[in-house]
Amino acid sequence: MFSKGNKTSSRDSFGDSSKSSSVTTAEAAAPSIISADLKIVGNLASAGDLQIDGTVEGDITSRRLTVGEGALVQGAILADSVKIYGSVSGEIKANSVHLAKSARVDGDIGHQSIAMEAGASVSGRLTRLEKPVAGATTSGATTASPSSSGVSGSASQSGSSASSSYSSYQS
């Protein structure tokens, strides 16, 4: 029943040997979803994919992050890949950034590549990063947080902004 050896069984708890009983990589796992009726106050760290449809007040570190159309993130984002359909108030650092037409970003964006659909709005600076974002693609959930990388989030928004405002356009 129990042994000290490192034996692995190819059978699941119901005796079915056709199914694997463990997921070994973050790529094979389903994304973690914060639903529209959920509000989280605090930082999030994920080694895999994360989808936000609700509200997050805190910094987010993830491999891939999707901010849904009705979602609100108030804090910094550090990720390998980010797709924004909703609203973000805070700095974004990612290797790849995609802003949908419904995206609203109030903060600076550091990126290696960026795509903006017509209608997307950014109030902040766009800066191309020379080196890939480190810490967002590692396998541990205790990766470098946006705060420790010099990125600071903000949960409040002032009426006037000293930064430039960018909006995409159709060519």
C-alpha atoms as a PDB file:
ATOM      1  CA  MET A   1       0.000   0.000   0.000  1.00  0.00           C
ATOM      2  CA  PHE A   2       2.621   2.532   1.089  1.00  0.00           C
ATOM      3  CA  SER A   3       6.272   2.207   0.233  1.00  0.00           C
ATOM      4  CA  LYS A   4       9.408   4.246   0.514  1.00  0.00           C
ATOM      5  CA  GLY A   5      10.235   3.771  -3.154  1.00  0.00           C
ATOM      6  CA  ASN A   6       9.411   6.294  -5.863  1.00  0.00           C
ATOM      7  CA  LYS A   7       6.977   4.110  -7.768  1.00  0.00           C
ATOM      8  CA  THR A   8       4.675   5.723 -10.296  1.00  0.00           C
ATOM      9  CA  SER A   9       1.404   4.184 -11.309  1.00  0.00           C
ATOM     10  CA  SER A  10      -0.234   4.746 -14.652  1.00  0.00           C
ATOM     11  CA  ARG A  11      -3.677   4.059 -13.153  1.00  0.00           C
ATOM     12  CA  ASP A  12      -5.910   6.788 -11.773  1.00  0.00           C
ATOM     13  CA  SER A  13      -7.824   6.419  -8.486  1.00  0.00           C
ATOM     14  CA  PHE A  14     -10.569   4.440 -10.285  1.00  0.00           C
ATOM     15  CA  GLY A  15      -8.157   1.928 -11.814  1.00  0.00           C
ATOM     16  CA  ASP A  16      -8.335   3.394 -15.335  1.00  0.00           C
ATOM     17  CA  SER A  17      -4.901   3.148 -16.926  1.00  0.00           C
ATOM     18  CA  SER A  18      -5.901   5.167 -20.017  1.00  0.00           C
ATOM     19  CA  LYS A  19      -5.874   8.487 -18.160  1.00  0.00           C
ATOM     20  CA  SER A  20      -2.885  10.313 -16.777  1.00  0.00           C
ATOM     21  CA  SER A  21      -3.332  11.298 -13.158  1.00  0.00           C
ATOM     22  CA  SER A  22      -1.172  14.406 -13.106  1.00  0.00           C
ATOM     23  CA  VAL A  23      -0.495  17.514 -15.149  1.00  0.00           C
ATOM     24  CA  THR A  24       3.217  18.131 -15.467  1.00  0.00           C
ATOM     25  CA  THR A  25       3.447  21.507 -17.217  1.00  0.00           C
ATOM     26  CA  ALA A  26       1.729  24.851 -16.891  1.00  0.00           C
ATOM     27  CA  GLU A  27       0.970  24.698 -20.622  1.00  0.00           C
ATOM     28  CA  ALA A  28      -1.232  21.635 -20.189  1.00  0.00           C
ATOM     29  CA  ALA A  29      -3.246  23.159 -17.336  1.00  0.00           C
ATOM     30  CA  ALA A  30      -6.452  25.089 -17.920  1.00  0.00           C
ATOM     31  CA  PRO A  31      -6.336  28.848 -17.230  1.00  0.00           C
ATOM     32  CA  SER A  32      -7.313  30.120 -13.811  1.00  0.00           C
ATOM     33  CA  ILE A  33     -10.416  32.308 -14.144  1.00  0.00           C
ATOM     34  CA  ILE A  34     -11.506  35.186 -11.926  1.00  0.00           C
ATOM     35  CA  SER A  35     -15.219  35.380 -12.756  1.00  0.00           C
ATOM     36  CA  ALA A  36     -17.185  38.584 -13.313  1.00  0.00           C
ATOM     37  CA  ASP A  37     -18.853  38.441  -9.884  1.00  0.00           C
ATOM     38  CA  LEU A  38     -15.543  38.130  -7.992  1.00  0.00           C
ATOM     39  CA  LYS A  39     -13.438  40.960  -6.545  1.00  0.00           C
ATOM     40  CA  ILE A  40      -9.921  40.222  -5.298  1.00  0.00           C
ATOM     41  CA  VAL A  41      -7.963  42.629  -3.126  1.00  0.00           C
ATOM     42  CA  GLY A  42      -4.335  41.509  -3.095  1.00  0.00           C
ATOM     43  CA  ASN A  43      -1.572  40.389  -5.409  1.00  0.00           C
ATOM     44  CA  LEU A  44      -1.896  37.400  -7.761  1.00  0.00           C
ATOM     45  CA  ALA A  45       0.956  35.174  -8.972  1.00  0.00           C
ATOM     46  CA  SER A  46       0.498  32.339 -11.453  1.00  0.00           C
ATOM     47  CA  ALA A  47       3.016  30.237 -13.340  1.00  0.00           C
ATOM     48  CA  GLY A  48       0.336  29.526 -15.950  1.00  0.00           C
ATOM     49  CA  ASP A  49      -2.507  31.293 -17.719  1.00  0.00           C
ATOM     50  CA  LEU A  50      -4.856  33.671 -15.931  1.00  0.00           C
ATOM     51  CA  GLN A  51      -8.132  35.183 -17.130  1.00  0.00           C
ATOM     52  CA  ILE A  52      -9.659  38.113 -15.246  1.00  0.00           C
ATOM     53  CA  ASP A  53     -13.351  38.808 -15.815  1.00  0.00           C
ATOM     54  CA  GLY A  54     -13.975  40.444 -12.421  1.00  0.00           C
ATOM     55  CA  THR A  55     -12.065  43.052 -10.415  1.00  0.00           C
ATOM     56  CA  VAL A  56      -8.512  42.787  -9.069  1.00  0.00           C
ATOM     57  CA  GLU A  57      -7.021  45.443  -6.807  1.00  0.00           C
ATOM     58  CA  GLY A  58      -3.384  44.383  -6.681  1.00  0.00           C
ATOM     59  CA  ASP A  59      -0.397  43.427  -8.781  1.00  0.00           C
ATOM     60  CA  ILE A  60      -0.543  40.433 -11.137  1.00  0.00           C
ATOM     61  CA  THR A  61       2.323  38.183 -12.276  1.00  0.00           C
ATOM     62  CA  SER A  62       1.451  35.512 -14.830  1.00  0.00           C
ATOM     63  CA  ARG A  63       2.759  33.691 -17.895  1.00  0.00           C
ATOM     64  CA  ARG A  64      -0.265  34.658 -20.005  1.00  0.00           C
ATOM     65  CA  LEU A  65      -2.914  37.123 -18.833  1.00  0.00           C
ATOM     66  CA  THR A  66      -6.272  37.986 -20.385  1.00  0.00           C
ATOM     67  CA  VAL A  67      -8.281  40.894 -18.979  1.00  0.00           C
ATOM     68  CA  GLY A  68     -11.887  40.409 -20.112  1.00  0.00           C
ATOM     69  CA  GLU A  69     -14.134  43.117 -21.534  1.00  0.00           C
ATOM     70  CA  GLY A  70     -15.983  43.859 -18.271  1.00  0.00           C
ATOM     71  CA  ALA A  71     -12.908  43.391 -16.066  1.00  0.00           C
ATOM     72  CA  LEU A  72     -11.028  45.984 -14.026  1.00  0.00           C
ATOM     73  CA  VAL A  73      -7.428  45.624 -12.860  1.00  0.00           C
ATOM     74  CA  GLN A  74      -6.026  48.260 -10.515  1.00  0.00           C
ATOM     75  CA  GLY A  75      -2.362  47.440 -10.144  1.00  0.00           C
ATOM     76  CA  ALA A  76       0.771  46.531 -12.036  1.00  0.00           C
ATOM     77  CA  ILE A  77       0.945  43.630 -14.507  1.00  0.00           C
ATOM     78  CA  LEU A  78       4.031  41.531 -15.268  1.00  0.00           C
ATOM     79  CA  ALA A  79       3.559  38.777 -17.855  1.00  0.00           C
ATOM     80  CA  ASP A  80       4.984  37.108 -20.930  1.00  0.00           C
ATOM     81  CA  SER A  81       1.806  37.794 -22.931  1.00  0.00           C
ATOM     82  CA  VAL A  82      -1.096  40.151 -22.123  1.00  0.00           C
ATOM     83  CA  LYS A  83      -4.425  40.592 -23.913  1.00  0.00           C
ATOM     84  CA  ILE A  84      -6.540  43.504 -22.675  1.00  0.00           C
ATOM     85  CA  TYR A  85     -10.241  43.766 -23.489  1.00  0.00           C
ATOM     86  CA  GLY A  86     -11.264  45.613 -20.310  1.00  0.00           C
ATOM     87  CA  SER A  87      -9.740  48.314 -18.096  1.00  0.00           C
ATOM     88  CA  VAL A  88      -6.318  48.472 -16.456  1.00  0.00           C
ATOM     89  CA  SER A  89      -5.116  51.215 -14.117  1.00  0.00           C
ATOM     90  CA  GLY A  90      -1.418  50.601 -13.553  1.00  0.00           C
ATOM     91  CA  GLU A  91       1.804  49.814 -15.362  1.00  0.00           C
ATOM     92  CA  ILE A  92       2.055  46.848 -17.750  1.00  0.00           C
ATOM     93  CA  LYS A  93       5.334  45.064 -18.520  1.00  0.00           C
ATOM     94  CA  ALA A  94       5.059  42.198 -20.998  1.00  0.00           C
ATOM     95  CA  ASN A  95       6.882  40.720 -23.949  1.00  0.00           C
ATOM     96  CA  SER A  96       3.707  40.751 -26.049  1.00  0.00           C
ATOM     97  CA  VAL A  97       0.777  43.154 -25.516  1.00  0.00           C
ATOM     98  CA  HIS A  98      -2.522  43.084 -27.433  1.00  0.00           C
ATOM     99  CA  LEU A  99      -5.065  45.852 -26.835  1.00  0.00           C
ATOM    100  CA  ALA A 100      -8.555  45.133 -28.174  1.00  0.00           C
ATOM    101  CA  LYS A 101     -10.864  47.921 -29.321  1.00  0.00           C
ATOM    102  CA  SER A 102     -12.619  47.886 -25.928  1.00  0.00           C
ATOM    103  CA  ALA A 103      -9.328  48.202 -23.950  1.00  0.00           C
ATOM    104  CA  ARG A 104      -8.770  51.152 -21.619  1.00  0.00           C
ATOM    105  CA  VAL A 105      -5.296  51.483 -20.065  1.00  0.00           C
ATOM    106  CA  ASP A 106      -4.304  54.240 -17.633  1.00  0.00           C
ATOM    107  CA  GLY A 107      -0.589  53.661 -17.139  1.00  0.00           C
ATOM    108  CA  ASP A 108       2.675  53.056 -18.907  1.00  0.00           C
ATOM    109  CA  ILE A 109       3.214  49.990 -21.099  1.00  0.00           C
ATOM    110  CA  GLY A 110       6.635  48.363 -21.467  1.00  0.00           C
ATOM    111  CA  HIS A 111       6.643  45.801 -24.296  1.00  0.00           C
ATOM    112  CA  GLN A 112       8.694  43.975 -26.905  1.00  0.00           C
ATOM    113  CA  SER A 113       5.750  43.866 -29.310  1.00  0.00           C
ATOM    114  CA  ILE A 114       2.397  45.625 -29.133  1.00  0.00           C
ATOM    115  CA  ALA A 115      -0.795  45.506 -31.193  1.00  0.00           C
ATOM    116  CA  MET A 116      -3.644  47.988 -30.801  1.00  0.00           C
ATOM    117  CA  GLU A 117      -7.037  47.669 -32.412  1.00  0.00           C
ATOM    118  CA  ALA A 118      -8.914  50.776 -33.545  1.00  0.00           C
ATOM    119  CA  GLY A 119     -10.733  52.204 -30.534  1.00  0.00           C
ATOM    120  CA  ALA A 120      -8.253  51.061 -27.858  1.00  0.00           C
ATOM    121  CA  SER A 121      -7.250  53.818 -25.459  1.00  0.00           C
ATOM    122  CA  VAL A 122      -3.957  54.300 -23.604  1.00  0.00           C
ATOM    123  CA  SER A 123      -3.204  57.156 -21.235  1.00  0.00           C
ATOM    124  CA  GLY A 124       0.501  56.720 -20.582  1.00  0.00           C
ATOM    125  CA  ARG A 125       3.826  56.044 -22.242  1.00  0.00           C
ATOM    126  CA  LEU A 126       4.578  53.173 -24.617  1.00  0.00           C
ATOM    127  CA  THR A 127       8.148  51.927 -24.234  1.00  0.00           C
ATOM    128  CA  ARG A 128       9.817  49.151 -26.208  1.00  0.00           C
ATOM    129  CA  LEU A 129      11.806  46.835 -23.944  1.00  0.00           C
ATOM    130  CA  GLU A 130      15.224  45.765 -25.237  1.00  0.00           C
ATOM    131  CA  LYS A 131      15.310  42.571 -23.134  1.00  0.00           C
ATOM    132  CA  PRO A 132      12.484  40.070 -22.542  1.00  0.00           C
ATOM    133  CA  VAL A 133      10.498  40.445 -19.341  1.00  0.00           C
ATOM    134  CA  ALA A 134      12.155  38.233 -16.732  1.00  0.00           C
ATOM    135  CA  GLY A 135      10.256  36.461 -13.982  1.00  0.00           C
ATOM    136  CA  ALA A 136       6.969  36.140 -15.880  1.00  0.00           C
ATOM    137  CA  THR A 137       7.746  32.810 -17.533  1.00  0.00           C
ATOM    138  CA  THR A 138       9.359  30.858 -14.721  1.00  0.00           C
ATOM    139  CA  SER A 139       7.656  27.764 -13.356  1.00  0.00           C
ATOM    140  CA  GLY A 140       7.404  28.880  -9.731  1.00  0.00           C
ATOM    141  CA  ALA A 141       4.464  30.903  -8.448  1.00  0.00           C
ATOM    142  CA  THR A 142       6.885  32.946  -6.345  1.00  0.00           C
ATOM    143  CA  THR A 143       8.282  34.822  -9.341  1.00  0.00           C
ATOM    144  CA  ALA A 144       9.404  38.395  -9.241  1.00  0.00           C
ATOM    145  CA  SER A 145       6.455  40.591  -8.480  1.00  0.00           C
ATOM    146  CA  PRO A 146       5.791  43.794 -10.437  1.00  0.00           C
ATOM    147  CA  SER A 147       6.482  45.830  -7.281  1.00  0.00           C
ATOM    148  CA  SER A 148       9.938  44.312  -6.844  1.00  0.00           C
ATOM    149  CA  SER A 149      10.704  45.045 -10.511  1.00  0.00           C
ATOM    150  CA  GLY A 150      10.241  48.769 -10.041  1.00  0.00           C
ATOM    151  CA  VAL A 151       6.656  48.707 -11.286  1.00  0.00           C
ATOM    152  CA  SER A 152       4.108  50.333  -9.026  1.00  0.00           C
ATOM    153  CA  GLY A 153       0.361  49.968  -9.197  1.00  0.00           C
ATOM    154  CA  SER A 154      -2.278  52.503  -8.352  1.00  0.00           C
ATOM    155  CA  ALA A 155      -5.772  51.956  -7.026  1.00  0.00           C
ATOM    156  CA  SER A 156      -6.839  55.544  -7.526  1.00  0.00           C
ATOM    157  CA  GLN A 157      -7.158  57.735 -10.568  1.00  0.00           C
ATOM    158  CA  SER A 158      -6.709  61.497 -10.591  1.00  0.00           C
ATOM    159  CA  GLY A 159      -8.864  63.858 -12.629  1.00  0.00           C
ATOM    160  CA  SER A 160      -5.914  65.246 -14.584  1.00  0.00           C
ATOM    161  CA  SER A 161      -2.961  63.361 -15.921  1.00  0.00           C
ATOM    162  CA  ALA A 162       0.483  64.675 -16.758  1.00  0.00           C
ATOM    163  CA  SER A 163       1.153  61.840 -19.187  1.00  0.00           C
ATOM    164  CA  SER A 164       0.303  61.835 -22.853  1.00  0.00           C
ATOM    165  CA  SER A 165      -2.818  60.135 -24.144  1.00  0.00           C
ATOM    166  CA  TYR A 166      -2.691  57.745 -27.085  1.00  0.00           C
ATOM    167  CA  SER A 167      -5.549  56.267 -29.066  1.00  0.00           C
ATOM    168  CA  SER A 168      -5.242  53.875 -31.962  1.00  0.00           C
ATOM    169  CA  TYR A 169      -6.485  54.701 -35.413  1.00  0.00           C
ATOM    170  CA  GLN A 170      -7.326  52.905 -38.603  1.00  0.00           C
ATOM    171  CA  SER A 171      -5.020  53.324 -41.576  1.00  0.00           C
END
